[in-house]
Amino acid sequence: MPPVPRNRTPGPADPTDGADVTDVTSVTAVPDGRSPAGSRERVPVPEGQPPMTAAPATTPVIPPAAPPVLAEVVRSGFVEGRHRGSLVLLAADGSVELALGDVTAPVFPRSANKPMQAAGILRAGLDLAGERLALAAASHSGEPFHRDLVQKMLAERGLTPAQLQCPPDLPLDTEEAETYLASGAARDRVTMNCSGKHAAMLAACVLNGWPTETYLDPGHPLQRLIHSVVEEAAGEPVAAVGTDGCGAPLMAIGLTGLARAFRSFVLAAPGSAERRVADAMRAHPEYVAGTRRHDTWLMREVPGALSKMGAEAVQAVALPDGRALAVKVDDGGTRALRPVLARALALMGLDAPVVSRIGAVPLLGGGREVGEIRATF
């Protein structure tokens, strides 16, 4: 019986005749049926036939295409860093006008989900309006007027700060945090930037007789209602459910779905839960963010704009005519978010001083400006 090839690997050329050869391990049958240990021999490869190579043990994995660079960090004229991500712009009719990266891949919108959560709270029957409703959709800076109103919202329903299940935290705004610590204050649940949302969730539970101890459980009646609002507004099913930094359930949707959701809020019928949330946020933007935050600037200076950022560099904006955008910086670098947002707003045709203000993110060296973070599209 001829030798049976096993593991074939390329071998060196035979110096005696210059022919290509390959190493094989052969097993030769013996009369009693036993097989001896494999023996090594060098078998010439026919002229013109390439050497055989072993098949890979596993199928090669083709890495996904890298998302595009949305922003670059320029110091002293030298590009020292880049931020990749995805961005979608919707036209007034809801069609996709620009898509950079995979805008259908699910992302966690983080606090950009808050308008939908606030709409779910209203659908649960809680009658909120004005500053209280804006605060229910907020990632507030922890300024005194934010903290005072959260305390009032709790007291109005016979609730206490101890019932909030968001973690204790310092003010989100850096300047406010310094003032807060200098006063001798410590981390507090009311100070945490999501406390307005949590206070509103608890109030909705009290109103409906739902358990307050488990109000953050994804199976809780309030959270199931919010889940349905997210899917309805986004026009797509929730791809995954996680836990946000504040402990609340977090629904993953695509960036296109997130932009659609914001668009649906500004175009919703007057008096609907969605329109009430949008109107409250736009009327009281300082309660949605804070006095030194870009969401506040944009909603204050561009009539009818609805804007909300989320952790890990997520942003969604809708304009009153139905144009909308959503963006996610892949590495979560919030320093890149404002320049990217400003460029996206400019592409949407928004020409206002606030766009330049939002986009200005200087880099410092020795206390002076030596560079910038700038959009690349």
Protein backbone atom coordinates (compact mmCIF):
# COMPACT_ATOMS: atom_id res chain seq x y z
CA MET A 1 0.00 0.00 0.00
CA PRO A 2 1.41 3.46 -0.82
CA PRO A 3 2.11 5.92 2.00
CA VAL A 4 -0.90 7.86 3.35
CA PRO A 5 -0.06 11.59 3.75
CA ARG A 6 -1.01 13.16 7.10
CA ASN A 7 0.27 16.59 8.14
CA ARG A 8 1.67 18.40 5.12
CA THR A 9 3.87 21.42 5.68
CA PRO A 10 6.15 23.26 3.29
CA GLY A 11 9.73 22.01 3.38
CA PRO A 12 13.00 23.43 2.12
CA ALA A 13 14.28 22.73 -1.37
CA ASP A 14 16.40 19.55 -1.67
CA PRO A 15 19.98 20.70 -2.27
CA THR A 16 20.76 17.54 -4.28
CA ASP A 17 18.51 18.27 -7.25
CA GLY A 18 16.87 21.65 -6.62
CA ALA A 19 13.30 20.17 -6.73
CA ASP A 20 10.58 21.38 -4.34
CA VAL A 21 9.83 18.86 -1.60
CA THR A 22 7.34 18.56 1.22
CA ASP A 23 7.59 16.74 4.53
CA VAL A 24 4.93 14.08 5.19
CA THR A 25 4.28 11.58 7.91
CA SER A 26 3.34 8.21 6.43
CA VAL A 27 1.65 5.19 7.97
CA THR A 28 2.42 1.85 6.35
CA ALA A 29 0.07 -1.12 6.82
CA VAL A 30 1.59 -4.36 8.15
CA PRO A 31 0.29 -7.93 7.71
CA ASP A 32 -1.17 -8.29 11.21
CA GLY A 33 -3.13 -5.04 10.87
CA ARG A 34 -0.95 -3.10 13.29
CA SER A 35 0.30 0.33 12.28
CA PRO A 36 3.84 1.28 13.24
CA ALA A 37 4.74 4.73 14.43
CA GLY A 38 4.66 7.27 11.63
CA SER A 39 7.91 7.60 9.78
CA ARG A 40 9.21 10.82 8.26
CA GLU A 41 10.23 10.88 4.62
CA ARG A 42 10.86 13.54 2.01
CA VAL A 43 8.68 13.14 -1.06
CA PRO A 44 9.45 15.17 -4.18
CA VAL A 45 6.61 17.42 -5.37
CA PRO A 46 5.91 17.03 -9.10
CA GLU A 47 7.34 19.86 -11.17
CA GLY A 48 4.90 22.78 -11.56
CA GLN A 49 2.74 21.79 -8.56
CA PRO A 50 2.93 24.10 -5.52
CA PRO A 51 3.72 22.61 -2.11
CA MET A 52 0.66 21.64 -0.05
CA THR A 53 0.07 23.47 3.22
CA ALA A 54 -1.96 22.47 6.26
CA ALA A 55 -5.49 23.85 6.50
CA PRO A 56 -5.95 26.41 9.29
CA ALA A 57 -7.31 24.99 12.52
CA THR A 58 -10.06 27.62 12.63
CA THR A 59 -11.78 29.83 10.10
CA PRO A 60 -10.09 33.25 9.97
CA VAL A 61 -12.15 35.99 11.57
CA ILE A 62 -12.50 39.11 9.45
CA PRO A 63 -12.59 42.13 11.79
CA PRO A 64 -15.48 44.56 11.27
CA ALA A 65 -14.73 47.76 9.45
CA ALA A 66 -13.54 50.48 11.81
CA PRO A 67 -15.98 53.37 12.20
CA PRO A 68 -14.89 56.65 10.66
CA VAL A 69 -12.85 59.26 12.49
CA LEU A 70 -15.24 61.99 13.64
CA ALA A 71 -12.78 64.21 15.50
CA GLU A 72 -9.08 64.71 15.92
CA VAL A 73 -7.02 66.21 18.71
CA VAL A 74 -4.51 68.74 17.41
CA ARG A 75 -1.74 70.02 19.69
CA SER A 76 0.79 72.53 18.39
CA GLY A 77 -0.21 71.64 14.84
CA PHE A 78 0.36 67.91 15.45
CA VAL A 79 -2.49 65.39 15.44
CA GLU A 80 -2.01 63.48 18.69
CA GLY A 81 -5.31 61.64 18.88
CA ARG A 82 -8.42 60.63 16.98
CA HIS A 83 -11.97 59.76 17.99
CA ARG A 84 -14.03 57.36 15.87
CA GLY A 85 -17.76 57.03 15.95
CA SER A 86 -21.05 57.03 14.09
CA LEU A 87 -23.45 59.82 13.17
CA VAL A 88 -26.83 60.05 11.47
CA LEU A 89 -28.66 63.12 10.19
CA LEU A 90 -32.35 62.95 9.33
CA ALA A 91 -34.04 65.29 6.88
CA ALA A 92 -37.28 67.04 7.77
CA ASP A 93 -39.27 64.19 6.21
CA GLY A 94 -37.48 61.63 8.37
CA SER A 95 -35.28 60.18 5.63
CA VAL A 96 -31.58 59.58 6.29
CA GLU A 97 -29.64 62.51 4.85
CA LEU A 98 -26.19 61.50 6.10
CA ALA A 99 -24.89 58.34 7.75
CA LEU A 100 -21.33 57.94 8.98
CA GLY A 101 -20.51 54.51 10.38
CA ASP A 102 -23.11 51.87 11.21
CA VAL A 103 -26.08 53.92 12.36
CA THR A 104 -28.34 50.88 12.70
CA ALA A 105 -26.12 49.04 15.18
CA PRO A 106 -27.63 49.16 18.70
CA VAL A 107 -26.06 51.49 21.24
CA PHE A 108 -26.97 52.38 24.80
CA PRO A 109 -28.23 55.99 24.52
CA ARG A 110 -27.60 56.42 28.24
CA SER A 111 -29.24 59.66 29.40
CA ALA A 112 -30.34 60.53 25.87
CA ASN A 113 -33.13 58.04 26.70
CA LYS A 114 -34.49 60.36 29.41
CA PRO A 115 -37.13 62.14 27.31
CA MET A 116 -38.68 58.72 26.60
CA GLN A 117 -38.48 57.79 30.28
CA ALA A 118 -40.21 61.04 31.22
CA ALA A 119 -42.95 60.37 28.65
CA GLY A 120 -43.47 56.95 30.22
CA ILE A 121 -43.86 58.60 33.62
CA LEU A 122 -46.55 60.89 32.20
CA ARG A 123 -48.31 57.94 30.59
CA ALA A 124 -48.37 56.35 34.02
CA GLY A 125 -50.63 59.22 35.05
CA LEU A 126 -48.26 61.52 36.93
CA ASP A 127 -49.20 65.14 36.25
CA LEU A 128 -45.90 66.97 35.87
CA ALA A 129 -45.32 70.23 34.05
CA GLY A 130 -42.85 73.08 33.75
CA GLU A 131 -39.60 72.84 35.66
CA ARG A 132 -40.63 69.60 37.35
CA LEU A 133 -41.14 67.82 34.04
CA ALA A 134 -37.89 69.23 32.65
CA LEU A 135 -36.09 67.94 35.74
CA ALA A 136 -37.66 64.50 35.25
CA ALA A 137 -35.86 64.36 31.87
CA ALA A 138 -32.64 65.88 33.16
CA SER A 139 -29.00 65.09 33.70
CA HIS A 140 -28.75 68.12 35.94
CA SER A 141 -25.54 69.78 37.06
CA GLY A 142 -26.35 69.59 40.76
CA GLU A 143 -26.71 73.34 41.18
CA PRO A 144 -28.73 74.58 44.17
CA PHE A 145 -31.92 75.15 42.17
CA HIS A 146 -31.74 71.56 40.89
CA ARG A 147 -31.29 70.09 44.36
CA ASP A 148 -34.02 72.25 45.88
CA LEU A 149 -36.62 71.18 43.31
CA VAL A 150 -35.79 67.48 43.69
CA GLN A 151 -36.38 67.83 47.44
CA LYS A 152 -39.75 69.50 46.77
CA MET A 153 -40.81 66.82 44.27
CA LEU A 154 -40.13 64.13 46.86
CA ALA A 155 -41.86 65.96 49.70
CA GLU A 156 -44.98 66.59 47.59
CA ARG A 157 -45.56 62.82 47.43
CA GLY A 158 -44.54 62.05 50.99
CA LEU A 159 -41.21 60.62 49.85
CA THR A 160 -37.73 61.08 51.28
CA PRO A 161 -34.25 61.19 49.69
CA ALA A 162 -33.50 57.84 51.32
CA GLN A 163 -35.97 56.21 48.92
CA LEU A 164 -34.01 57.32 45.88
CA GLN A 165 -32.07 54.38 44.48
CA CYS A 166 -29.64 56.41 42.40
CA PRO A 167 -26.15 56.38 43.94
CA PRO A 168 -24.81 59.28 46.04
CA ASP A 169 -22.70 61.61 43.93
CA LEU A 170 -21.16 65.06 43.62
CA PRO A 171 -22.52 67.76 41.30
CA LEU A 172 -21.92 66.90 37.65
CA ASP A 173 -20.70 70.42 36.90
CA THR A 174 -17.01 70.80 37.82
CA GLU A 175 -17.30 74.36 39.12
CA GLU A 176 -20.38 73.49 41.14
CA ALA A 177 -18.63 70.43 42.57
CA GLU A 178 -15.76 72.59 43.84
CA THR A 179 -18.18 74.99 45.52
CA TYR A 180 -20.17 72.09 46.95
CA LEU A 181 -17.11 70.42 48.48
CA ALA A 182 -15.79 73.72 49.82
CA SER A 183 -19.04 74.10 51.76
CA GLY A 184 -18.32 70.82 53.55
CA ALA A 185 -21.04 68.84 51.75
CA ALA A 186 -20.60 65.17 50.86
CA ARG A 187 -21.85 62.91 48.08
CA ASP A 188 -25.63 62.77 48.15
CA ARG A 189 -28.42 61.02 46.24
CA VAL A 190 -30.30 64.26 45.61
CA THR A 191 -27.14 65.78 44.11
CA MET A 192 -26.71 62.91 41.64
CA ASN A 193 -27.54 64.13 38.12
CA CYS A 194 -30.39 61.62 37.60
CA SER A 195 -32.20 62.39 40.87
CA GLY A 196 -35.02 64.31 39.16
CA LYS A 197 -35.88 61.28 37.05
CA HIS A 198 -35.79 59.00 40.08
CA ALA A 199 -37.98 61.35 42.11
CA ALA A 200 -40.54 61.37 39.27
CA MET A 201 -40.41 57.57 38.97
CA LEU A 202 -41.09 57.19 42.68
CA ALA A 203 -43.95 59.69 42.49
CA ALA A 204 -45.54 57.71 39.63
CA CYS A 205 -45.30 54.56 41.74
CA VAL A 206 -47.00 56.22 44.73
CA LEU A 207 -49.78 57.49 42.46
CA ASN A 208 -50.47 54.03 41.03
CA GLY A 209 -49.94 52.00 44.18
CA TRP A 210 -46.93 50.27 42.65
CA PRO A 211 -44.06 49.10 44.87
CA THR A 212 -41.43 51.74 45.40
CA GLU A 213 -38.77 49.33 46.66
CA THR A 214 -38.45 47.68 43.23
CA TYR A 215 -39.11 50.64 40.95
CA LEU A 216 -35.85 50.00 39.05
CA ASP A 217 -36.61 46.35 38.31
CA PRO A 218 -37.01 45.89 34.51
CA GLY A 219 -40.17 43.90 35.22
CA HIS A 220 -41.76 46.68 37.28
CA PRO A 221 -44.97 48.08 35.71
CA LEU A 222 -43.40 51.51 35.26
CA GLN A 223 -40.28 50.15 33.56
CA ARG A 224 -42.36 47.95 31.25
CA LEU A 225 -44.31 51.05 30.25
CA ILE A 226 -41.12 53.01 29.59
CA HIS A 227 -39.78 50.10 27.52
CA SER A 228 -42.83 50.30 25.24
CA VAL A 229 -42.47 54.08 24.90
CA VAL A 230 -38.84 53.70 23.76
CA GLU A 231 -39.80 51.15 21.11
CA GLU A 232 -42.72 53.24 19.90
CA ALA A 233 -40.70 56.44 19.64
CA ALA A 234 -37.67 54.79 18.01
CA GLY A 235 -39.75 52.78 15.57
CA GLU A 236 -37.73 49.65 16.27
CA PRO A 237 -37.54 46.93 18.92
CA VAL A 238 -35.21 47.32 21.86
CA ALA A 239 -32.11 45.25 21.08
CA ALA A 240 -30.87 44.79 24.64
CA VAL A 241 -31.64 45.90 28.19
CA GLY A 242 -28.86 46.88 30.57
CA THR A 243 -28.39 48.95 33.71
CA ASP A 244 -27.54 52.63 33.50
CA GLY A 245 -25.07 54.34 35.81
CA CYS A 246 -27.94 55.53 38.00
CA GLY A 247 -29.32 51.99 38.30
CA ALA A 248 -32.33 52.42 35.99
CA PRO A 249 -33.04 49.98 33.15
CA LEU A 250 -31.37 51.06 29.92
CA MET A 251 -32.69 50.16 26.46
CA ALA A 252 -30.38 49.76 23.45
CA ILE A 253 -31.51 51.08 20.06
CA GLY A 254 -29.77 52.20 16.87
CA LEU A 255 -28.68 55.78 16.30
CA THR A 256 -31.26 56.11 13.54
CA GLY A 257 -33.92 55.00 16.01
CA LEU A 258 -32.67 57.51 18.58
CA ALA A 259 -32.86 60.35 16.05
CA ARG A 260 -36.35 59.20 15.04
CA ALA A 261 -37.41 59.26 18.68
CA PHE A 262 -36.33 62.88 19.17
CA ARG A 263 -37.96 63.82 15.89
CA SER A 264 -41.22 62.21 17.03
CA PHE A 265 -41.19 64.26 20.25
CA VAL A 266 -40.91 67.66 18.54
CA LEU A 267 -43.57 66.69 15.98
CA ALA A 268 -45.96 65.06 18.46
CA ALA A 269 -49.48 66.38 18.86
CA PRO A 270 -49.87 69.18 21.42
CA GLY A 271 -50.94 67.78 24.77
CA SER A 272 -49.48 64.32 24.14
CA ALA A 273 -46.98 62.96 26.66
CA GLU A 274 -44.17 63.27 24.14
CA ARG A 275 -44.95 66.86 23.23
CA ARG A 276 -45.36 67.85 26.87
CA VAL A 277 -41.88 66.52 27.62
CA ALA A 278 -40.36 68.30 24.62
CA ASP A 279 -42.10 71.57 25.47
CA ALA A 280 -40.99 71.46 29.12
CA MET A 281 -37.38 70.71 28.21
CA ARG A 282 -37.29 73.54 25.66
CA ALA A 283 -38.97 76.02 28.01
CA HIS A 284 -36.69 75.22 30.96
CA PRO A 285 -33.35 74.07 29.51
CA GLU A 286 -31.38 75.06 32.61
CA TYR A 287 -33.26 72.33 34.50
CA VAL A 288 -32.42 69.73 31.82
CA ALA A 289 -28.68 70.39 32.15
CA GLY A 290 -27.24 73.46 33.88
CA THR A 291 -26.06 77.00 33.41
CA ARG A 292 -22.71 75.95 31.92
CA ARG A 293 -23.85 73.05 29.70
CA HIS A 294 -24.19 72.88 25.92
CA ASP A 295 -27.69 71.32 25.96
CA THR A 296 -28.90 74.39 27.83
CA TRP A 297 -27.13 76.77 25.46
CA LEU A 298 -28.58 75.11 22.36
CA MET A 299 -32.18 74.94 23.59
CA ARG A 300 -32.03 78.49 24.93
CA GLU A 301 -30.60 80.06 21.77
CA VAL A 302 -32.21 77.99 18.99
CA PRO A 303 -36.00 78.27 19.26
CA GLY A 304 -37.69 74.88 19.20
CA ALA A 305 -34.53 72.78 19.44
CA LEU A 306 -34.63 69.67 21.64
CA SER A 307 -31.21 68.50 22.83
CA LYS A 308 -30.02 65.83 25.23
CA MET A 309 -26.62 64.26 25.72
CA GLY A 310 -25.85 60.93 27.34
CA ALA A 311 -22.83 59.40 29.02
CA GLU A 312 -20.18 57.72 26.89
CA ALA A 313 -20.43 60.51 24.32
CA VAL A 314 -23.98 60.12 23.00
CA GLN A 315 -26.00 63.07 21.72
CA ALA A 316 -29.41 63.52 20.12
CA VAL A 317 -30.98 66.71 18.79
CA ALA A 318 -34.20 67.51 16.94
CA LEU A 319 -35.21 70.78 15.33
CA PRO A 320 -38.83 71.95 15.20
CA ASP A 321 -39.19 71.21 11.47
CA GLY A 322 -38.37 67.52 12.01
CA ARG A 323 -34.67 67.49 11.19
CA ALA A 324 -32.77 65.41 13.72
CA LEU A 325 -29.40 63.88 14.52
CA ALA A 326 -27.85 61.27 16.78
CA VAL A 327 -24.17 60.60 17.38
CA LYS A 328 -22.03 58.17 19.39
CA VAL A 329 -18.28 58.55 19.87
CA ASP A 330 -17.02 55.00 20.11
CA ASP A 331 -14.47 55.43 22.88
CA GLY A 332 -16.88 57.44 25.03
CA GLY A 333 -14.63 60.50 24.87
CA THR A 334 -16.98 63.35 25.70
CA ARG A 335 -14.27 65.88 24.83
CA ALA A 336 -14.97 65.08 21.16
CA LEU A 337 -18.74 65.41 21.43
CA ARG A 338 -19.12 69.18 21.20
CA PRO A 339 -16.98 69.68 18.07
CA VAL A 340 -18.77 66.78 16.37
CA LEU A 341 -22.17 68.15 17.38
CA ALA A 342 -21.31 71.63 16.13
CA ARG A 343 -20.21 70.29 12.75
CA ALA A 344 -23.36 68.18 12.46
CA LEU A 345 -25.54 71.18 13.26
CA ALA A 346 -23.72 73.22 10.62
CA LEU A 347 -24.35 70.48 8.05
CA MET A 348 -28.03 70.69 8.98
CA GLY A 349 -27.92 74.35 7.99
CA LEU A 350 -27.98 75.78 11.49
CA ASP A 351 -26.17 79.11 11.42
CA ALA A 352 -26.17 80.59 14.90
CA PRO A 353 -23.47 81.90 17.26
CA VAL A 354 -24.23 79.07 19.68
CA VAL A 355 -22.94 76.53 17.15
CA SER A 356 -19.48 78.10 17.23
CA ARG A 357 -19.63 78.32 21.01
CA ILE A 358 -20.47 74.62 21.30
CA GLY A 359 -17.73 73.63 18.86
CA ALA A 360 -14.92 75.57 20.53
CA VAL A 361 -12.88 73.07 22.58
CA PRO A 362 -9.34 74.43 22.99
CA LEU A 363 -6.32 72.44 24.15
CA LEU A 364 -4.09 74.13 26.71
CA GLY A 365 -0.37 73.98 27.28
CA GLY A 366 1.20 75.91 30.12
CA GLY A 367 -2.12 77.62 30.71
CA ARG A 368 -2.45 78.96 27.18
CA GLU A 369 -4.25 77.69 24.10
CA VAL A 370 -1.99 75.52 21.92
CA GLY A 371 -4.47 73.48 19.92
CA GLU A 372 -8.02 72.25 19.56
CA ILE A 373 -10.31 69.29 19.16
CA ARG A 374 -11.97 69.54 15.76
CA ALA A 375 -14.43 67.60 13.65
CA THR A 376 -13.04 65.81 10.59
CA PHE A 377 -16.12 65.46 8.37
